[in-house]
Amino acid sequence: MNRAVELFLSIPAAWALAAVFTLTAAEAALFFGFVIPGEIAVVLGGVLASFDRIALWQTLAAAIAGAVIGDSIGFQVGRHYGSRWLEAKFPQKWGAVARWIAKNGPMAVFFGRYSAFLRAAVPTAAGAARIPYGQFLFWNVVGGATWATAFTLLGFLAGEGYEVALKWAHRGSLALLTVIVAVGLILWGIRAVRRRAHIPEVEKEIKE
């Protein structure tokens, strides 16, 4: 593992960006997520950005594009070919995924992004479940963008301490999701309070 990380950090910038995109996309498109979690490449892309080897926005763009495109390919695989391969390979887990998709619908695409197994399986399951592609794409973009941003920034902020960041990436997906949801709820609450505070002013203007 350490050798592979060192190799990744030593390759030219263009190759590193290609690797971030390819490994992120291959998670769902080719089911690589069962072997190599894509967040490792995304974190290391952020590390390279902290070393000024590549621009931060380039890493973000490669990671987000890989996440969205790879999941879309996985969705089409499920839509056209069903889920027979995954059902045969993971009979117990696949049943749980199918039930989760049925219960949560497109929202499962967002939350599934923060689990290595679900990240690889959910897009195909969503396609097999005939979820409308428009709904899938919306949550795919939202989930892919937040996930890619979180792990890219994790690597960027870690810099030389990337080994700790990789451990967090391996264990902390759900923790990061919790932070993102918490921040979202706080922002939503602030907006709701401001909106309520503005309502009396609007009513006053209407009466006048």
N, C-alpha and C. Protein backbone atom coordinates (compact mmCIF):
# COMPACT_ATOMS: atom_id res chain seq x y z
N MET A 1 0.83 -1.20 0.00
CA MET A 1 0.00 0.00 0.00
C MET A 1 0.87 1.26 0.00
N ASN A 2 1.85 1.31 0.90
CA ASN A 2 2.73 2.48 0.98
C ASN A 2 3.47 2.69 -0.33
N ARG A 3 3.91 1.58 -0.95
CA ARG A 3 4.62 1.67 -2.22
C ARG A 3 3.72 2.25 -3.30
N ALA A 4 2.46 1.82 -3.32
CA ALA A 4 1.51 2.32 -4.31
C ALA A 4 1.24 3.81 -4.11
N VAL A 5 1.15 4.22 -2.85
CA VAL A 5 0.92 5.64 -2.54
C VAL A 5 2.11 6.48 -2.99
N GLU A 6 3.31 6.02 -2.69
CA GLU A 6 4.51 6.74 -3.10
C GLU A 6 4.59 6.85 -4.62
N LEU A 7 4.22 5.78 -5.30
CA LEU A 7 4.23 5.78 -6.75
C LEU A 7 3.24 6.80 -7.29
N PHE A 8 2.05 6.84 -6.70
CA PHE A 8 1.03 7.79 -7.13
C PHE A 8 1.52 9.21 -6.96
N LEU A 9 2.14 9.49 -5.85
CA LEU A 9 2.59 10.86 -5.55
C LEU A 9 3.79 11.28 -6.39
N SER A 10 4.41 10.33 -7.09
CA SER A 10 5.59 10.64 -7.89
C SER A 10 5.30 10.77 -9.38
N ILE A 11 4.10 10.40 -9.81
CA ILE A 11 3.80 10.42 -11.24
C ILE A 11 3.52 11.85 -11.71
N PRO A 12 3.66 12.12 -13.02
CA PRO A 12 3.38 13.46 -13.54
C PRO A 12 1.96 13.92 -13.23
N ALA A 13 1.77 15.24 -13.20
CA ALA A 13 0.49 15.81 -12.80
C ALA A 13 -0.66 15.32 -13.68
N ALA A 14 -0.45 15.29 -15.00
CA ALA A 14 -1.52 14.87 -15.91
C ALA A 14 -1.93 13.42 -15.64
N TRP A 15 -0.96 12.58 -15.36
CA TRP A 15 -1.27 11.18 -15.05
C TRP A 15 -2.03 11.07 -13.74
N ALA A 16 -1.64 11.89 -12.77
CA ALA A 16 -2.32 11.87 -11.47
C ALA A 16 -3.79 12.26 -11.62
N LEU A 17 -4.06 13.29 -12.41
CA LEU A 17 -5.45 13.71 -12.64
C LEU A 17 -6.22 12.62 -13.37
N ALA A 18 -5.56 11.98 -14.35
CA ALA A 18 -6.20 10.88 -15.07
C ALA A 18 -6.52 9.73 -14.12
N ALA A 19 -5.60 9.47 -13.18
CA ALA A 19 -5.82 8.39 -12.21
C ALA A 19 -6.96 8.72 -11.27
N VAL A 20 -7.05 9.97 -10.82
CA VAL A 20 -8.16 10.39 -9.94
C VAL A 20 -9.48 10.17 -10.66
N PHE A 21 -9.56 10.63 -11.90
CA PHE A 21 -10.80 10.47 -12.67
C PHE A 21 -11.12 9.00 -12.91
N THR A 22 -10.13 8.25 -13.38
CA THR A 22 -10.36 6.86 -13.77
C THR A 22 -10.74 5.98 -12.58
N LEU A 23 -10.00 6.09 -11.49
CA LEU A 23 -10.29 5.25 -10.33
C LEU A 23 -11.63 5.61 -9.70
N THR A 24 -11.96 6.91 -9.70
CA THR A 24 -13.25 7.34 -9.16
C THR A 24 -14.40 6.84 -10.03
N ALA A 25 -14.23 6.95 -11.34
CA ALA A 25 -15.28 6.50 -12.26
C ALA A 25 -15.43 4.98 -12.25
N ALA A 26 -14.30 4.28 -12.12
CA ALA A 26 -14.32 2.82 -12.22
C ALA A 26 -14.99 2.16 -11.03
N GLU A 27 -15.16 2.88 -9.92
CA GLU A 27 -15.81 2.30 -8.74
C GLU A 27 -17.16 1.70 -9.09
N ALA A 28 -18.01 2.50 -9.75
CA ALA A 28 -19.36 2.03 -10.08
C ALA A 28 -19.44 1.49 -11.49
N ALA A 29 -18.67 2.10 -12.42
CA ALA A 29 -18.75 1.68 -13.81
C ALA A 29 -18.21 0.26 -14.01
N LEU A 30 -17.10 -0.06 -13.34
CA LEU A 30 -16.46 -1.37 -13.48
C LEU A 30 -16.41 -2.14 -12.17
N PHE A 31 -17.09 -1.61 -11.14
CA PHE A 31 -17.17 -2.27 -9.83
C PHE A 31 -15.79 -2.39 -9.14
N PHE A 32 -14.86 -1.46 -9.46
CA PHE A 32 -13.55 -1.46 -8.81
C PHE A 32 -13.67 -1.12 -7.32
N GLY A 33 -14.79 -0.49 -6.95
CA GLY A 33 -14.95 -0.08 -5.56
C GLY A 33 -14.91 -1.24 -4.58
N PHE A 34 -15.17 -2.46 -5.07
CA PHE A 34 -15.10 -3.62 -4.20
C PHE A 34 -13.66 -3.97 -3.86
N VAL A 35 -12.70 -3.43 -4.64
CA VAL A 35 -11.28 -3.73 -4.44
C VAL A 35 -10.49 -2.51 -4.01
N ILE A 36 -10.67 -1.39 -4.73
CA ILE A 36 -9.91 -0.17 -4.46
C ILE A 36 -10.88 0.99 -4.25
N PRO A 37 -11.13 1.42 -3.02
CA PRO A 37 -12.01 2.56 -2.78
C PRO A 37 -11.48 3.81 -3.46
N GLY A 38 -12.36 4.52 -4.17
CA GLY A 38 -11.94 5.69 -4.94
C GLY A 38 -11.47 6.85 -4.11
N GLU A 39 -11.88 6.90 -2.82
CA GLU A 39 -11.48 8.05 -2.01
C GLU A 39 -9.97 8.12 -1.79
N ILE A 40 -9.28 6.97 -1.93
CA ILE A 40 -7.82 6.98 -1.78
C ILE A 40 -7.19 7.86 -2.86
N ALA A 41 -7.62 7.68 -4.11
CA ALA A 41 -7.09 8.48 -5.21
C ALA A 41 -7.47 9.95 -5.04
N VAL A 42 -8.69 10.21 -4.56
CA VAL A 42 -9.14 11.59 -4.38
C VAL A 42 -8.33 12.29 -3.29
N VAL A 43 -8.11 11.60 -2.18
CA VAL A 43 -7.30 12.18 -1.10
C VAL A 43 -5.88 12.48 -1.59
N LEU A 44 -5.29 11.54 -2.32
CA LEU A 44 -3.93 11.74 -2.82
C LEU A 44 -3.89 12.86 -3.85
N GLY A 45 -4.96 13.03 -4.62
CA GLY A 45 -5.03 14.17 -5.52
C GLY A 45 -5.01 15.47 -4.74
N GLY A 46 -5.72 15.50 -3.61
CA GLY A 46 -5.69 16.68 -2.75
C GLY A 46 -4.31 16.92 -2.16
N VAL A 47 -3.61 15.84 -1.83
CA VAL A 47 -2.24 15.96 -1.31
C VAL A 47 -1.34 16.59 -2.36
N LEU A 48 -1.44 16.14 -3.60
CA LEU A 48 -0.64 16.71 -4.69
C LEU A 48 -0.95 18.19 -4.89
N ALA A 49 -2.21 18.55 -4.71
CA ALA A 49 -2.58 19.97 -4.81
C ALA A 49 -1.92 20.78 -3.69
N SER A 50 -1.82 20.19 -2.50
CA SER A 50 -1.16 20.90 -1.39
C SER A 50 0.33 21.07 -1.64
N PHE A 51 0.91 20.18 -2.47
CA PHE A 51 2.33 20.28 -2.83
C PHE A 51 2.54 21.20 -4.04
N ASP A 52 1.44 21.79 -4.54
CA ASP A 52 1.48 22.65 -5.73
C ASP A 52 1.90 21.90 -6.98
N ARG A 53 1.67 20.59 -7.00
CA ARG A 53 1.96 19.81 -8.18
C ARG A 53 0.84 19.95 -9.21
N ILE A 54 -0.39 20.06 -8.72
CA ILE A 54 -1.55 20.31 -9.56
C ILE A 54 -2.44 21.32 -8.85
N ALA A 55 -3.32 21.95 -9.61
CA ALA A 55 -4.23 22.94 -9.02
C ALA A 55 -5.36 22.23 -8.27
N LEU A 56 -5.79 22.84 -7.18
CA LEU A 56 -6.86 22.25 -6.37
C LEU A 56 -8.12 22.08 -7.20
N TRP A 57 -8.45 23.08 -8.02
CA TRP A 57 -9.69 23.00 -8.81
C TRP A 57 -9.62 21.85 -9.82
N GLN A 58 -8.42 21.54 -10.31
CA GLN A 58 -8.27 20.44 -11.26
C GLN A 58 -8.58 19.10 -10.60
N THR A 59 -8.08 18.93 -9.37
CA THR A 59 -8.38 17.70 -8.64
C THR A 59 -9.87 17.58 -8.37
N LEU A 60 -10.48 18.69 -7.94
CA LEU A 60 -11.92 18.68 -7.68
C LEU A 60 -12.70 18.33 -8.95
N ALA A 61 -12.32 18.94 -10.06
CA ALA A 61 -13.03 18.68 -11.32
C ALA A 61 -12.89 17.22 -11.74
N ALA A 62 -11.67 16.67 -11.63
CA ALA A 62 -11.45 15.27 -12.01
C ALA A 62 -12.24 14.32 -11.12
N ALA A 63 -12.25 14.60 -9.81
CA ALA A 63 -12.94 13.71 -8.87
C ALA A 63 -14.46 13.78 -9.05
N ILE A 64 -15.00 14.99 -9.20
CA ILE A 64 -16.45 15.13 -9.37
C ILE A 64 -16.90 14.51 -10.69
N ALA A 65 -16.14 14.81 -11.76
CA ALA A 65 -16.49 14.25 -13.06
C ALA A 65 -16.43 12.72 -13.04
N GLY A 66 -15.41 12.17 -12.41
CA GLY A 66 -15.29 10.72 -12.31
C GLY A 66 -16.44 10.11 -11.54
N ALA A 67 -16.81 10.74 -10.44
CA ALA A 67 -17.91 10.22 -9.61
C ALA A 67 -19.22 10.23 -10.38
N VAL A 68 -19.53 11.35 -11.03
CA VAL A 68 -20.81 11.49 -11.72
C VAL A 68 -20.88 10.59 -12.95
N ILE A 69 -19.82 10.59 -13.75
CA ILE A 69 -19.82 9.79 -14.98
C ILE A 69 -19.80 8.29 -14.66
N GLY A 70 -18.96 7.90 -13.70
CA GLY A 70 -18.89 6.48 -13.34
C GLY A 70 -20.21 5.96 -12.81
N ASP A 71 -20.87 6.74 -11.95
CA ASP A 71 -22.17 6.31 -11.43
C ASP A 71 -23.22 6.25 -12.53
N SER A 72 -23.14 7.17 -13.49
CA SER A 72 -24.10 7.16 -14.60
C SER A 72 -23.92 5.92 -15.46
N ILE A 73 -22.67 5.50 -15.66
CA ILE A 73 -22.42 4.27 -16.41
C ILE A 73 -22.96 3.07 -15.64
N GLY A 74 -22.70 3.04 -14.33
CA GLY A 74 -23.23 1.96 -13.50
C GLY A 74 -24.75 1.92 -13.55
N PHE A 75 -25.38 3.10 -13.56
CA PHE A 75 -26.84 3.18 -13.66
C PHE A 75 -27.34 2.55 -14.95
N GLN A 76 -26.66 2.88 -16.07
CA GLN A 76 -27.07 2.34 -17.36
C GLN A 76 -26.85 0.83 -17.44
N VAL A 77 -25.79 0.35 -16.80
CA VAL A 77 -25.56 -1.10 -16.74
C VAL A 77 -26.73 -1.78 -16.05
N GLY A 78 -27.15 -1.21 -14.91
CA GLY A 78 -28.29 -1.77 -14.19
C GLY A 78 -29.58 -1.66 -14.98
N ARG A 79 -29.76 -0.56 -15.69
CA ARG A 79 -30.98 -0.34 -16.45
C ARG A 79 -31.12 -1.34 -17.60
N HIS A 80 -30.01 -1.63 -18.28
CA HIS A 80 -30.07 -2.45 -19.48
C HIS A 80 -29.79 -3.94 -19.22
N TYR A 81 -28.97 -4.21 -18.20
CA TYR A 81 -28.56 -5.61 -17.99
C TYR A 81 -29.02 -6.17 -16.65
N GLY A 82 -29.75 -5.36 -15.88
CA GLY A 82 -30.22 -5.83 -14.60
C GLY A 82 -29.08 -5.94 -13.60
N SER A 83 -29.29 -6.70 -12.55
CA SER A 83 -28.32 -6.78 -11.47
C SER A 83 -27.87 -8.22 -11.23
N ARG A 84 -27.91 -9.03 -12.29
CA ARG A 84 -27.63 -10.46 -12.11
C ARG A 84 -26.22 -10.74 -11.60
N TRP A 85 -25.23 -9.99 -12.13
CA TRP A 85 -23.85 -10.24 -11.73
C TRP A 85 -23.66 -9.96 -10.25
N LEU A 86 -24.13 -8.82 -9.79
CA LEU A 86 -23.99 -8.48 -8.37
C LEU A 86 -24.81 -9.41 -7.49
N GLU A 87 -25.99 -9.78 -7.97
CA GLU A 87 -26.83 -10.68 -7.18
C GLU A 87 -26.16 -12.04 -7.01
N ALA A 88 -25.46 -12.49 -8.05
CA ALA A 88 -24.78 -13.78 -7.98
C ALA A 88 -23.53 -13.71 -7.10
N LYS A 89 -22.84 -12.56 -7.16
CA LYS A 89 -21.59 -12.44 -6.43
C LYS A 89 -21.80 -12.07 -4.96
N PHE A 90 -22.83 -11.26 -4.69
CA PHE A 90 -23.09 -10.82 -3.31
C PHE A 90 -24.57 -11.05 -2.98
N PRO A 91 -25.00 -12.32 -2.90
CA PRO A 91 -26.43 -12.60 -2.73
C PRO A 91 -27.05 -12.00 -1.47
N GLN A 92 -26.34 -12.07 -0.34
CA GLN A 92 -26.90 -11.53 0.90
C GLN A 92 -26.87 -10.01 0.92
N LYS A 93 -25.71 -9.44 0.57
CA LYS A 93 -25.59 -7.99 0.58
C LYS A 93 -26.48 -7.35 -0.48
N TRP A 94 -26.58 -8.00 -1.62
CA TRP A 94 -27.37 -7.42 -2.70
C TRP A 94 -28.84 -7.30 -2.33
N GLY A 95 -29.36 -8.28 -1.61
CA GLY A 95 -30.74 -8.19 -1.16
C GLY A 95 -30.96 -6.98 -0.27
N ALA A 96 -30.00 -6.71 0.62
CA ALA A 96 -30.11 -5.56 1.50
C ALA A 96 -30.06 -4.25 0.71
N VAL A 97 -29.17 -4.20 -0.30
CA VAL A 97 -29.06 -3.00 -1.13
C VAL A 97 -30.37 -2.76 -1.88
N ALA A 98 -30.94 -3.81 -2.46
CA ALA A 98 -32.18 -3.67 -3.21
C ALA A 98 -33.31 -3.17 -2.32
N ARG A 99 -33.39 -3.68 -1.10
CA ARG A 99 -34.44 -3.22 -0.17
C ARG A 99 -34.21 -1.77 0.22
N TRP A 100 -32.94 -1.41 0.40
CA TRP A 100 -32.61 -0.03 0.79
C TRP A 100 -32.98 0.94 -0.33
N ILE A 101 -32.69 0.55 -1.57
CA ILE A 101 -33.05 1.38 -2.72
C ILE A 101 -34.56 1.54 -2.80
N ALA A 102 -35.29 0.44 -2.61
CA ALA A 102 -36.75 0.48 -2.68
C ALA A 102 -37.34 1.40 -1.62
N LYS A 103 -36.72 1.42 -0.44
CA LYS A 103 -37.23 2.22 0.67
C LYS A 103 -36.89 3.70 0.52
N ASN A 104 -35.66 4.00 0.08
CA ASN A 104 -35.18 5.39 0.08
C ASN A 104 -35.17 6.05 -1.30
N GLY A 105 -35.32 5.26 -2.36
CA GLY A 105 -35.38 5.83 -3.69
C GLY A 105 -34.11 6.58 -4.06
N PRO A 106 -34.25 7.69 -4.80
CA PRO A 106 -33.08 8.43 -5.28
C PRO A 106 -32.17 8.95 -4.17
N MET A 107 -32.74 9.21 -2.97
CA MET A 107 -31.92 9.69 -1.86
C MET A 107 -30.83 8.68 -1.50
N ALA A 108 -31.09 7.40 -1.77
CA ALA A 108 -30.10 6.37 -1.47
C ALA A 108 -28.83 6.58 -2.28
N VAL A 109 -28.95 7.21 -3.43
CA VAL A 109 -27.78 7.49 -4.27
C VAL A 109 -26.84 8.43 -3.54
N PHE A 110 -27.40 9.44 -2.87
CA PHE A 110 -26.58 10.39 -2.12
C PHE A 110 -25.90 9.73 -0.94
N PHE A 111 -26.67 9.05 -0.10
CA PHE A 111 -26.11 8.44 1.11
C PHE A 111 -25.20 7.26 0.77
N GLY A 112 -25.51 6.55 -0.31
CA GLY A 112 -24.66 5.43 -0.71
C GLY A 112 -23.27 5.86 -1.12
N ARG A 113 -23.11 7.11 -1.51
CA ARG A 113 -21.81 7.64 -1.93
C ARG A 113 -20.77 7.55 -0.82
N TYR A 114 -21.21 7.47 0.44
CA TYR A 114 -20.28 7.50 1.58
C TYR A 114 -19.96 6.12 2.15
N SER A 115 -20.24 5.08 1.38
CA SER A 115 -19.86 3.72 1.75
C SER A 115 -19.21 3.07 0.53
N ALA A 116 -18.04 2.47 0.71
CA ALA A 116 -17.31 1.91 -0.42
C ALA A 116 -18.14 0.85 -1.16
N PHE A 117 -18.76 -0.06 -0.42
CA PHE A 117 -19.56 -1.10 -1.08
C PHE A 117 -20.77 -0.49 -1.79
N LEU A 118 -21.51 0.38 -1.09
CA LEU A 118 -22.70 0.97 -1.67
C LEU A 118 -22.37 1.87 -2.84
N ARG A 119 -21.21 2.53 -2.77
CA ARG A 119 -20.79 3.42 -3.86
C ARG A 119 -20.66 2.64 -5.17
N ALA A 120 -20.22 1.41 -5.07
CA ALA A 120 -20.08 0.57 -6.26
C ALA A 120 -21.39 -0.09 -6.67
N ALA A 121 -22.24 -0.39 -5.69
CA ALA A 121 -23.44 -1.19 -5.97
C ALA A 121 -24.69 -0.37 -6.23
N VAL A 122 -24.84 0.77 -5.55
CA VAL A 122 -26.10 1.52 -5.61
C VAL A 122 -26.45 2.02 -7.01
N PRO A 123 -25.51 2.59 -7.79
CA PRO A 123 -25.89 3.06 -9.13
C PRO A 123 -26.50 1.95 -9.99
N THR A 124 -25.89 0.76 -9.96
CA THR A 124 -26.43 -0.36 -10.73
C THR A 124 -27.80 -0.77 -10.19
N ALA A 125 -27.93 -0.77 -8.87
CA ALA A 125 -29.22 -1.12 -8.26
C ALA A 125 -30.29 -0.10 -8.62
N ALA A 126 -29.90 1.18 -8.64
CA ALA A 126 -30.86 2.23 -9.00
C ALA A 126 -31.33 2.06 -10.44
N GLY A 127 -30.41 1.70 -11.33
CA GLY A 127 -30.81 1.46 -12.71
C GLY A 127 -31.72 0.27 -12.84
N ALA A 128 -31.39 -0.82 -12.13
CA ALA A 128 -32.22 -2.02 -12.17
C ALA A 128 -33.60 -1.76 -11.57
N ALA A 129 -33.67 -0.84 -10.59
CA ALA A 129 -34.95 -0.52 -9.95
C ALA A 129 -35.79 0.45 -10.77
N ARG A 130 -35.27 0.86 -11.94
CA ARG A 130 -35.99 1.76 -12.85
C ARG A 130 -36.28 3.12 -12.23
N ILE A 131 -35.40 3.60 -11.38
CA ILE A 131 -35.52 4.97 -10.88
C ILE A 131 -35.33 5.91 -12.07
N PRO A 132 -36.17 6.93 -12.23
CA PRO A 132 -36.00 7.87 -13.34
C PRO A 132 -34.60 8.48 -13.35
N TYR A 133 -33.98 8.53 -14.53
CA TYR A 133 -32.59 8.99 -14.60
C TYR A 133 -32.43 10.43 -14.12
N GLY A 134 -33.43 11.27 -14.37
CA GLY A 134 -33.34 12.66 -13.91
C GLY A 134 -33.20 12.75 -12.41
N GLN A 135 -33.99 11.97 -11.67
CA GLN A 135 -33.88 11.95 -10.21
C GLN A 135 -32.54 11.39 -9.78
N PHE A 136 -32.14 10.30 -10.43
CA PHE A 136 -30.84 9.70 -10.11
C PHE A 136 -29.71 10.69 -10.34
N LEU A 137 -29.74 11.40 -11.48
CA LEU A 137 -28.66 12.31 -11.82
C LEU A 137 -28.55 13.45 -10.82
N PHE A 138 -29.68 13.98 -10.36
CA PHE A 138 -29.65 15.07 -9.39
C PHE A 138 -28.90 14.66 -8.13
N TRP A 139 -29.30 13.52 -7.54
CA TRP A 139 -28.66 13.07 -6.31
C TRP A 139 -27.25 12.55 -6.56
N ASN A 140 -27.01 12.07 -7.76
CA ASN A 140 -25.67 11.64 -8.15
C ASN A 140 -24.71 12.83 -8.15
N VAL A 141 -25.15 13.94 -8.74
CA VAL A 141 -24.31 15.15 -8.79
C VAL A 141 -24.10 15.73 -7.40
N VAL A 142 -25.18 15.81 -6.61
CA VAL A 142 -25.06 16.35 -5.25
C VAL A 142 -24.14 15.48 -4.40
N GLY A 143 -24.36 14.17 -4.44
CA GLY A 143 -23.53 13.25 -3.65
C GLY A 143 -22.09 13.24 -4.13
N GLY A 144 -21.90 13.17 -5.45
CA GLY A 144 -20.55 13.13 -6.00
C GLY A 144 -19.77 14.39 -5.71
N ALA A 145 -20.44 15.55 -5.81
CA ALA A 145 -19.77 16.83 -5.57
C ALA A 145 -19.37 16.99 -4.11
N THR A 146 -20.27 16.66 -3.18
CA THR A 146 -19.95 16.81 -1.76
C THR A 146 -18.87 15.81 -1.33
N TRP A 147 -19.00 14.58 -1.82
CA TRP A 147 -18.02 13.54 -1.48
C TRP A 147 -16.65 13.90 -2.01
N ALA A 148 -16.57 14.27 -3.28
CA ALA A 148 -15.28 14.61 -3.89
C ALA A 148 -14.65 15.82 -3.23
N THR A 149 -15.46 16.82 -2.92
CA THR A 149 -14.93 18.02 -2.27
C THR A 149 -14.40 17.70 -0.88
N ALA A 150 -15.16 16.91 -0.13
CA ALA A 150 -14.74 16.57 1.24
C ALA A 150 -13.41 15.84 1.25
N PHE A 151 -13.25 14.84 0.39
CA PHE A 151 -12.02 14.03 0.42
C PHE A 151 -10.84 14.74 -0.25
N THR A 152 -11.12 15.57 -1.24
CA THR A 152 -10.04 16.36 -1.83
C THR A 152 -9.48 17.34 -0.80
N LEU A 153 -10.37 18.01 -0.08
CA LEU A 153 -9.93 18.97 0.93
C LEU A 153 -9.24 18.26 2.09
N LEU A 154 -9.67 17.04 2.39
CA LEU A 154 -9.01 16.27 3.45
C LEU A 154 -7.55 16.05 3.09
N GLY A 155 -7.27 15.64 1.85
CA GLY A 155 -5.90 15.46 1.42
C GLY A 155 -5.14 16.77 1.32
N PHE A 156 -5.82 17.81 0.85
CA PHE A 156 -5.19 19.12 0.69
C PHE A 156 -4.75 19.68 2.04
N LEU A 157 -5.61 19.58 3.03
CA LEU A 157 -5.30 20.11 4.37
C LEU A 157 -4.28 19.24 5.09
N ALA A 158 -4.27 17.95 4.79
CA ALA A 158 -3.32 17.04 5.45
C ALA A 158 -1.90 17.26 4.96
N GLY A 159 -1.73 17.44 3.65
CA GLY A 159 -0.41 17.67 3.09
C GLY A 159 0.55 16.54 3.41
N GLU A 160 1.64 16.89 4.09
CA GLU A 160 2.65 15.90 4.45
C GLU A 160 2.10 14.81 5.37
N GLY A 161 1.05 15.13 6.08
CA GLY A 161 0.45 14.13 6.98
C GLY A 161 -0.60 13.29 6.28
N TYR A 162 -0.35 12.95 5.03
CA TYR A 162 -1.35 12.25 4.23
C TYR A 162 -1.65 10.84 4.76
N GLU A 163 -0.74 10.24 5.50
CA GLU A 163 -1.01 8.89 6.02
C GLU A 163 -2.19 8.91 6.99
N VAL A 164 -2.27 9.96 7.80
CA VAL A 164 -3.41 10.11 8.71
C VAL A 164 -4.68 10.34 7.91
N ALA A 165 -4.56 11.16 6.84
CA ALA A 165 -5.72 11.44 5.99
C ALA A 165 -6.25 10.18 5.34
N LEU A 166 -5.34 9.30 4.92
CA LEU A 166 -5.77 8.04 4.30
C LEU A 166 -6.51 7.16 5.30
N LYS A 167 -6.06 7.16 6.54
CA LYS A 167 -6.78 6.39 7.57
C LYS A 167 -8.18 6.96 7.78
N TRP A 168 -8.27 8.28 7.79
CA TRP A 168 -9.58 8.92 7.92
C TRP A 168 -10.47 8.59 6.73
N ALA A 169 -9.85 8.59 5.54
CA ALA A 169 -10.61 8.28 4.33
C ALA A 169 -11.17 6.86 4.39
N HIS A 170 -10.38 5.95 4.95
CA HIS A 170 -10.80 4.56 5.03
C HIS A 170 -11.90 4.36 6.07
N ARG A 171 -11.80 5.08 7.16
CA ARG A 171 -12.72 4.85 8.27
C ARG A 171 -13.77 5.95 8.46
N GLY A 172 -13.49 7.12 7.89
CA GLY A 172 -14.29 8.28 8.27
C GLY A 172 -15.33 8.75 7.29
N SER A 173 -15.74 7.94 6.31
CA SER A 173 -16.72 8.38 5.33
C SER A 173 -18.02 8.80 6.00
N LEU A 174 -18.50 7.95 6.90
CA LEU A 174 -19.76 8.27 7.56
C LEU A 174 -19.61 9.47 8.48
N ALA A 175 -18.42 9.63 9.07
CA ALA A 175 -18.18 10.80 9.91
C ALA A 175 -18.24 12.07 9.08
N LEU A 176 -17.62 12.03 7.90
CA LEU A 176 -17.66 13.19 7.02
C LEU A 176 -19.09 13.48 6.57
N LEU A 177 -19.84 12.43 6.27
CA LEU A 177 -21.23 12.62 5.89
C LEU A 177 -22.01 13.29 7.03
N THR A 178 -21.75 12.86 8.26
CA THR A 178 -22.43 13.46 9.42
C THR A 178 -22.12 14.95 9.52
N VAL A 179 -20.85 15.31 9.29
CA VAL A 179 -20.46 16.72 9.35
C VAL A 179 -21.17 17.51 8.25
N ILE A 180 -21.21 16.94 7.03
CA ILE A 180 -21.85 17.63 5.91
C ILE A 180 -23.34 17.84 6.19
N VAL A 181 -24.01 16.79 6.68
CA VAL A 181 -25.43 16.90 7.00
C VAL A 181 -25.66 17.93 8.10
N ALA A 182 -24.79 17.92 9.13
CA ALA A 182 -24.92 18.86 10.24
C ALA A 182 -24.78 20.30 9.75
N VAL A 183 -23.77 20.53 8.92
CA VAL A 183 -23.57 21.88 8.38
C VAL A 183 -24.77 22.30 7.54
N GLY A 184 -25.28 21.34 6.72
CA GLY A 184 -26.45 21.64 5.90
C GLY A 184 -27.66 22.01 6.74
N LEU A 185 -27.87 21.27 7.84
CA LEU A 185 -29.00 21.57 8.73
C LEU A 185 -28.83 22.93 9.40
N ILE A 186 -27.59 23.26 9.80
CA ILE A 186 -27.34 24.56 10.42
C ILE A 186 -27.64 25.69 9.44
N LEU A 187 -27.15 25.54 8.20
CA LEU A 187 -27.39 26.57 7.19
C LEU A 187 -28.88 26.70 6.88
N TRP A 188 -29.55 25.53 6.82
CA TRP A 188 -30.99 25.55 6.57
C TRP A 188 -31.72 26.26 7.71
N GLY A 189 -31.30 25.98 8.97
CA GLY A 189 -31.91 26.62 10.12
C GLY A 189 -31.71 28.13 10.11
N ILE A 190 -30.49 28.56 9.78
CA ILE A 190 -30.21 29.99 9.72
C ILE A 190 -31.09 30.67 8.66
N ARG A 191 -31.19 30.00 7.52
CA ARG A 191 -32.01 30.56 6.44
C ARG A 191 -33.47 30.64 6.84
N ALA A 192 -33.96 29.59 7.54
CA ALA A 192 -35.36 29.58 7.97
C ALA A 192 -35.64 30.69 8.96
N VAL A 193 -34.70 30.91 9.89
CA VAL A 193 -34.86 31.97 10.89
C VAL A 193 -34.89 33.33 10.20
N ARG A 194 -33.98 33.55 9.27
CA ARG A 194 -33.94 34.82 8.55
C ARG A 194 -35.22 35.04 7.76
N ARG A 195 -35.72 33.97 7.15
CA ARG A 195 -36.94 34.08 6.36
C ARG A 195 -38.12 34.45 7.26
N ARG A 196 -38.20 33.81 8.43
CA ARG A 196 -39.30 34.13 9.35
C ARG A 196 -39.19 35.55 9.87
N ALA A 197 -37.95 35.98 10.10
CA ALA A 197 -37.76 37.35 10.58
C ALA A 197 -38.17 38.36 9.52
N HIS A 198 -38.10 37.97 8.27
CA HIS A 198 -38.42 38.87 7.17
C HIS A 198 -39.91 38.92 6.88
N ILE A 199 -40.66 37.90 7.30
CA ILE A 199 -42.08 37.82 6.99
C ILE A 199 -42.87 39.01 7.54
N PRO A 200 -42.69 39.42 8.82
CA PRO A 200 -43.44 40.59 9.32
C PRO A 200 -43.19 41.83 8.49
N GLU A 201 -41.94 42.02 8.03
CA GLU A 201 -41.64 43.20 7.22
C GLU A 201 -42.39 43.16 5.90
N VAL A 202 -42.47 41.98 5.31
CA VAL A 202 -43.19 41.83 4.06
C VAL A 202 -44.67 42.10 4.26
N GLU A 203 -45.24 41.53 5.35
CA GLU A 203 -46.67 41.74 5.63
C GLU A 203 -46.96 43.22 5.86
N LYS A 204 -46.04 43.91 6.52
CA LYS A 204 -46.22 45.33 6.78
C LYS A 204 -46.25 46.13 5.49
N GLU A 205 -45.35 45.78 4.57
CA GLU A 205 -45.30 46.45 3.28
C GLU A 205 -46.58 46.22 2.49
N ILE A 206 -47.10 44.98 2.57
CA ILE A 206 -48.32 44.65 1.85
C ILE A 206 -49.51 45.48 2.38
N LYS A 207 -49.60 45.60 3.72
CA LYS A 207 -50.71 46.34 4.33
C LYS A 207 -50.64 47.81 3.97
N GLU A 208 -49.41 48.34 3.91
CA GLU A 208 -49.26 49.75 3.60
C GLU A 208 -49.57 50.02 2.13
